C-alpha atoms as a PDB file:
ATOM      1  CA  MET A   1     -16.499  13.253  -3.025  1.00  0.00           C
ATOM      2  CA  ARG A   2     -17.483  11.258   0.057  1.00  0.00           C
ATOM      3  CA  ALA A   3     -14.870   8.980   1.609  1.00  0.00           C
ATOM      4  CA  GLN A   4     -15.877   5.342   1.535  1.00  0.00           C
ATOM      5  CA  ARG A   5     -14.378   2.712   3.755  1.00  0.00           C
ATOM      6  CA  PRO A   6     -12.225   0.277   1.756  1.00  0.00           C
ATOM      7  CA  ALA A   7     -14.028  -2.905   0.692  1.00  0.00           C
ATOM      8  CA  ARG A   8     -14.495  -5.665   3.289  1.00  0.00           C
ATOM      9  CA  TRP A   9     -13.116  -8.352   0.988  1.00  0.00           C
ATOM     10  CA  ARG A  10      -9.688  -6.757   1.390  1.00  0.00           C
ATOM     11  CA  SER A  11      -9.786  -7.247   5.138  1.00  0.00           C
ATOM     12  CA  TRP A  12     -10.998 -10.822   4.804  1.00  0.00           C
ATOM     13  CA  ALA A  13      -8.417 -11.707   2.143  1.00  0.00           C
ATOM     14  CA  PHE A  14      -5.623 -10.127   4.167  1.00  0.00           C
ATOM     15  CA  GLY A  15      -6.742 -11.802   7.405  1.00  0.00           C
ATOM     16  CA  LEU A  16      -7.163 -15.198   5.770  1.00  0.00           C
ATOM     17  CA  THR A  17      -3.733 -14.943   4.176  1.00  0.00           C
ATOM     18  CA  LEU A  18      -2.147 -13.993   7.498  1.00  0.00           C
ATOM     19  CA  PHE A  19      -3.965 -16.873   9.208  1.00  0.00           C
ATOM     20  CA  PHE A  20      -2.631 -19.435   6.717  1.00  0.00           C
ATOM     21  CA  SER A  21       0.827 -17.888   6.845  1.00  0.00           C
ATOM     22  CA  ALA A  22       0.885 -18.179  10.630  1.00  0.00           C
ATOM     23  CA  LEU A  23      -0.644 -21.672  10.640  1.00  0.00           C
ATOM     24  CA  THR A  24       1.775 -23.079   8.081  1.00  0.00           C
ATOM     25  CA  GLY A  25       4.681 -21.202   9.654  1.00  0.00           C
ATOM     26  CA  PHE A  26       4.021 -22.744  13.052  1.00  0.00           C
ATOM     27  CA  ALA A  27       3.555 -26.091  11.299  1.00  0.00           C
ATOM     28  CA  GLN A  28       7.185 -25.857  10.174  1.00  0.00           C
ATOM     29  CA  MET A  29       8.010 -26.639  13.765  1.00  0.00           C
ATOM     30  CA  PRO A  30       6.878 -30.119  14.769  1.00  0.00           C
ATOM     31  CA  ILE A  31       4.381 -28.811  17.333  1.00  0.00           C
ATOM     32  CA  PHE A  32       1.275 -30.115  15.576  1.00  0.00           C
ATOM     33  CA  LYS A  33       2.579 -33.689  15.544  1.00  0.00           C
ATOM     34  CA  ARG A  34       4.163 -33.443  18.978  1.00  0.00           C
ATOM     35  CA  TYR A  35       0.952 -32.283  20.636  1.00  0.00           C
ATOM     36  CA  TYR A  36      -1.288 -34.637  18.598  1.00  0.00           C
ATOM     37  CA  ILE A  37      -3.134 -31.832  16.834  1.00  0.00           C
ATOM     38  CA  ALA A  38      -2.259 -33.458  13.500  1.00  0.00           C
ATOM     39  CA  ASP A  39      -4.029 -36.621  14.714  1.00  0.00           C
ATOM     40  CA  LEU A  40      -7.378 -34.852  14.625  1.00  0.00           C
ATOM     41  CA  PRO A  41      -9.448 -35.750  11.546  1.00  0.00           C
ATOM     42  CA  GLY A  42      -8.589 -33.500   8.623  1.00  0.00           C
ATOM     43  CA  LEU A  43      -5.492 -31.974  10.202  1.00  0.00           C
ATOM     44  CA  GLY A  44      -2.940 -34.638   9.300  1.00  0.00           C
ATOM     45  CA  TRP A  45      -1.458 -32.382   6.622  1.00  0.00           C
ATOM     46  CA  LEU A  46      -0.158 -30.082   9.395  1.00  0.00           C
ATOM     47  CA  ALA A  47       2.463 -32.713  10.277  1.00  0.00           C
ATOM     48  CA  GLN A  48       3.748 -33.046   6.696  1.00  0.00           C
ATOM     49  CA  PHE A  49       6.730 -30.712   6.421  1.00  0.00           C
ATOM     50  CA  TYR A  50       6.869 -30.312   2.645  1.00  0.00           C
ATOM     51  CA  VAL A  51       3.138 -29.675   2.401  1.00  0.00           C
ATOM     52  CA  THR A  52       3.249 -26.924   5.026  1.00  0.00           C
ATOM     53  CA  TYR A  53       6.489 -25.614   3.512  1.00  0.00           C
ATOM     54  CA  ALA A  54       4.894 -25.217   0.075  1.00  0.00           C
ATOM     55  CA  LEU A  55       1.692 -23.746   1.541  1.00  0.00           C
ATOM     56  CA  HIS A  56       3.726 -21.290   3.614  1.00  0.00           C
ATOM     57  CA  TYR A  57       5.507 -20.065   0.493  1.00  0.00           C
ATOM     58  CA  ILE A  58       2.204 -19.817  -1.399  1.00  0.00           C
ATOM     59  CA  SER A  59       0.583 -17.868   1.437  1.00  0.00           C
ATOM     60  CA  ALA A  60       3.675 -15.631   1.679  1.00  0.00           C
ATOM     61  CA  ILE A  61       3.433 -14.847  -2.045  1.00  0.00           C
ATOM     62  CA  THR A  62      -0.275 -14.123  -1.621  1.00  0.00           C
ATOM     63  CA  PHE A  63       0.506 -11.939   1.415  1.00  0.00           C
ATOM     64  CA  ILE A  64       3.060  -9.932  -0.583  1.00  0.00           C
ATOM     65  CA  ALA A  65       0.576  -9.471  -3.438  1.00  0.00           C
ATOM     66  CA  ILE A  66      -2.274  -8.336  -1.161  1.00  0.00           C
ATOM     67  CA  ALA A  67      -0.008  -6.114   0.948  1.00  0.00           C
ATOM     68  CA  THR A  68       1.402  -4.488  -2.190  1.00  0.00           C
ATOM     69  CA  TYR A  69      -2.113  -3.886  -3.500  1.00  0.00           C
ATOM     70  CA  LEU A  70      -3.243  -2.381  -0.180  1.00  0.00           C
ATOM     71  CA  VAL A  71      -0.200  -0.111   0.128  1.00  0.00           C
ATOM     72  CA  VAL A  72      -0.483   1.136  -3.459  1.00  0.00           C
ATOM     73  CA  ASP A  73      -4.257   1.611  -3.113  1.00  0.00           C
ATOM     74  CA  TYR A  74      -3.774   3.562   0.114  1.00  0.00           C
ATOM     75  CA  LEU A  75      -0.985   5.747  -1.275  1.00  0.00           C
ATOM     76  CA  LEU A  76      -2.703   6.520  -4.575  1.00  0.00           C
ATOM     77  CA  LEU A  77      -6.415   6.553  -3.740  1.00  0.00           C
ATOM     78  CA  GLN A  78      -7.221   6.414  -0.037  1.00  0.00           C
ATOM     79  CA  ARG A  79      -4.659   8.693   1.619  1.00  0.00           C
ATOM     80  CA  GLN A  80      -6.751  11.841   1.171  1.00  0.00           C
ATOM     81  CA  SER A  81      -9.814  10.272   2.819  1.00  0.00           C
ATOM     82  CA  TRP A  82      -8.256   7.886   5.325  1.00  0.00           C
ATOM     83  CA  ARG A  83      -5.273   7.984   7.673  1.00  0.00           C
ATOM     84  CA  LEU A  84      -3.310   5.174   9.233  1.00  0.00           C
ATOM     85  CA  THR A  85      -3.739   5.007  12.983  1.00  0.00           C
ATOM     86  CA  LEU A  86      -0.791   4.714  15.344  1.00  0.00           C
ATOM     87  CA  LEU A  87      -1.507   0.992  15.692  1.00  0.00           C
ATOM     88  CA  GLY A  88      -1.762   0.822  11.899  1.00  0.00           C
ATOM     89  CA  TYR A  89       1.750   2.225  11.579  1.00  0.00           C
ATOM     90  CA  ILE A  90       3.080  -0.081  14.295  1.00  0.00           C
ATOM     91  CA  ARG A  91       1.522  -3.175  12.739  1.00  0.00           C
ATOM     92  CA  GLY A  92       2.693  -2.088   9.291  1.00  0.00           C
ATOM     93  CA  VAL A  93       6.278  -1.804  10.515  1.00  0.00           C
ATOM     94  CA  MET A  94       6.003  -5.201  12.206  1.00  0.00           C
ATOM     95  CA  LEU A  95       4.684  -6.809   9.032  1.00  0.00           C
ATOM     96  CA  PHE A  96       7.471  -5.198   7.012  1.00  0.00           C
ATOM     97  CA  MET A  97      10.024  -6.648   9.448  1.00  0.00           C
ATOM     98  CA  VAL A  98       8.344 -10.080   9.232  1.00  0.00           C
ATOM     99  CA  LEU A  99       8.515  -9.806   5.446  1.00  0.00           C
ATOM    100  CA  ALA A 100      12.179  -8.731   5.496  1.00  0.00           C
ATOM    101  CA  SER A 101      13.227 -11.550   7.825  1.00  0.00           C
ATOM    102  CA  GLY A 102      11.171 -14.019   5.775  1.00  0.00           C
ATOM    103  CA  LEU A 103      12.831 -12.909   2.550  1.00  0.00           C
ATOM    104  CA  LEU A 104      16.247 -13.373   4.154  1.00  0.00           C
ATOM    105  CA  LEU A 105      15.202 -16.871   5.213  1.00  0.00           C
ATOM    106  CA  VAL A 106      14.091 -17.631   1.646  1.00  0.00           C
ATOM    107  CA  TYR A 107      17.429 -16.329   0.391  1.00  0.00           C
ATOM    108  CA  ARG A 108      19.185 -18.593   2.874  1.00  0.00           C
ATOM    109  CA  ASN A 109      17.332 -21.592   1.416  1.00  0.00           C
ATOM    110  CA  LEU A 110      18.574 -20.939  -2.113  1.00  0.00           C
ATOM    111  CA  PRO A 111      21.356 -23.247  -3.298  1.00  0.00           C
ATOM    112  CA  GLY A 112      24.835 -21.821  -2.912  1.00  0.00           C
ATOM    113  CA  TYR A 113      23.974 -19.158  -0.343  1.00  0.00           C
ATOM    114  CA  ARG A 114      25.086 -19.704   3.215  1.00  0.00           C
ATOM    115  CA  PHE A 115      24.661 -17.637   6.320  1.00  0.00           C
ATOM    116  CA  SER A 116      26.514 -18.253   9.536  1.00  0.00           C
ATOM    117  CA  PRO A 117      24.684 -20.504  11.989  1.00  0.00           C
ATOM    118  CA  GLN A 118      24.380 -17.587  14.419  1.00  0.00           C
ATOM    119  CA  LEU A 119      22.712 -15.397  11.788  1.00  0.00           C
ATOM    120  CA  VAL A 120      20.297 -18.199  10.894  1.00  0.00           C
ATOM    121  CA  VAL A 121      19.280 -18.516  14.557  1.00  0.00           C
ATOM    122  CA  VAL A 122      18.818 -14.732  14.800  1.00  0.00           C
ATOM    123  CA  LEU A 123      16.721 -14.728  11.604  1.00  0.00           C
ATOM    124  CA  ASP A 124      14.592 -17.669  12.751  1.00  0.00           C
ATOM    125  CA  PHE A 125      13.897 -16.215  16.188  1.00  0.00           C
ATOM    126  CA  SER A 126      13.363 -12.716  14.778  1.00  0.00           C
ATOM    127  CA  HIS A 127      10.850 -13.992  12.238  1.00  0.00           C
ATOM    128  CA  LEU A 128       8.989 -16.083  14.799  1.00  0.00           C
ATOM    129  CA  GLY A 129       9.145 -13.419  17.514  1.00  0.00           C
ATOM    130  CA  LEU A 130       7.893 -10.690  15.187  1.00  0.00           C
ATOM    131  CA  VAL A 131       4.986 -12.874  14.083  1.00  0.00           C
ATOM    132  CA  VAL A 132       4.006 -13.553  17.704  1.00  0.00           C
ATOM    133  CA  LEU A 133       4.368  -9.846  18.561  1.00  0.00           C
ATOM    134  CA  PHE A 134       2.252  -8.907  15.546  1.00  0.00           C
ATOM    135  CA  LEU A 135      -0.440 -11.418  16.497  1.00  0.00           C
ATOM    136  CA  MET A 136      -0.548 -10.139  20.093  1.00  0.00           C
ATOM    137  CA  THR A 137      -0.675  -6.516  18.910  1.00  0.00           C
ATOM    138  CA  SER A 138      -3.453  -7.347  16.459  1.00  0.00           C
ATOM    139  CA  LEU A 139      -5.421  -9.152  19.155  1.00  0.00           C
ATOM    140  CA  ALA A 140      -5.037  -6.171  21.498  1.00  0.00           C
ATOM    141  CA  ALA A 141      -6.133  -3.804  18.717  1.00  0.00           C
ATOM    142  CA  LYS A 142      -9.163  -6.007  18.004  1.00  0.00           C
ATOM    143  CA  LEU A 143     -10.118  -6.112  21.692  1.00  0.00           C
ATOM    144  CA  MET A 144      -9.760  -2.326  21.924  1.00  0.00           C
ATOM    145  CA  LYS A 145     -11.693  -1.975  18.643  1.00  0.00           C
ATOM    146  CA  LYS A 146      -8.872   0.002  17.039  1.00  0.00           C
ATOM    147  CA  GLY A 147      -8.441  -0.466  13.316  1.00  0.00           C
ATOM    148  CA  TRP A 148      -5.667   0.190  10.842  1.00  0.00           C
ATOM    149  CA  ILE A 149      -7.278   3.331   9.430  1.00  0.00           C
ATOM    150  CA  MET A 150      -9.557   6.187  10.413  1.00  0.00           C
ATOM    151  CA  LYS A 151     -11.215   9.012   8.518  1.00  0.00           C
ATOM    152  CA  ALA A 152      -8.774  11.781   7.718  1.00  0.00           C
ATOM    153  CA  ASP A 153     -10.783  14.377   9.651  1.00  0.00           C
ATOM    154  CA  ALA A 154     -11.318  12.167  12.750  1.00  0.00           C
ATOM    155  CA  GLY A 155      -8.177  13.299  14.570  1.00  0.00           C
ATOM    156  CA  PHE A 156      -5.102  11.225  15.432  1.00  0.00           C
ATOM    157  CA  ALA A 157      -5.906  10.455  19.077  1.00  0.00           C
ATOM    158  CA  LYS A 158      -9.214   8.739  18.295  1.00  0.00           C
ATOM    159  CA  GLY A 159      -7.645   6.077  16.110  1.00  0.00           C
ATOM    160  CA  LEU A 160      -4.790   5.068  18.417  1.00  0.00           C
END
């Protein structure tokens, strides 16, 4: 059986979900209104907190669904034909940490659950910092033309 590269729609769906997650996450901070980006035609919704809040949660749910599908597909069907590259592992760990910090932030927002103010600051900065680190790592990987996966017989060093 010949190994086929996973379908392109997966990459597009995952990338689009990450884009909207990052966009709506950054919109939670008032930067779009402060720097007049929200004044551009069609971008006024970026300054509306509850709109970006709801869209961020929707994109996070979509991200979890797509990531779960990709992980299960890789573990059950693709692992024999494809291997994660070193950058694939690194980005996967970063995304898991973003997810974990995001889930803790969601938990913090539930009624009746309180974290100390110091922990909230650590969670906020960790979540934001990990997202920025992931985006920079992904940009570097794109510029170096290094993907998440490589053929199983290609050798580990090639896919760095």
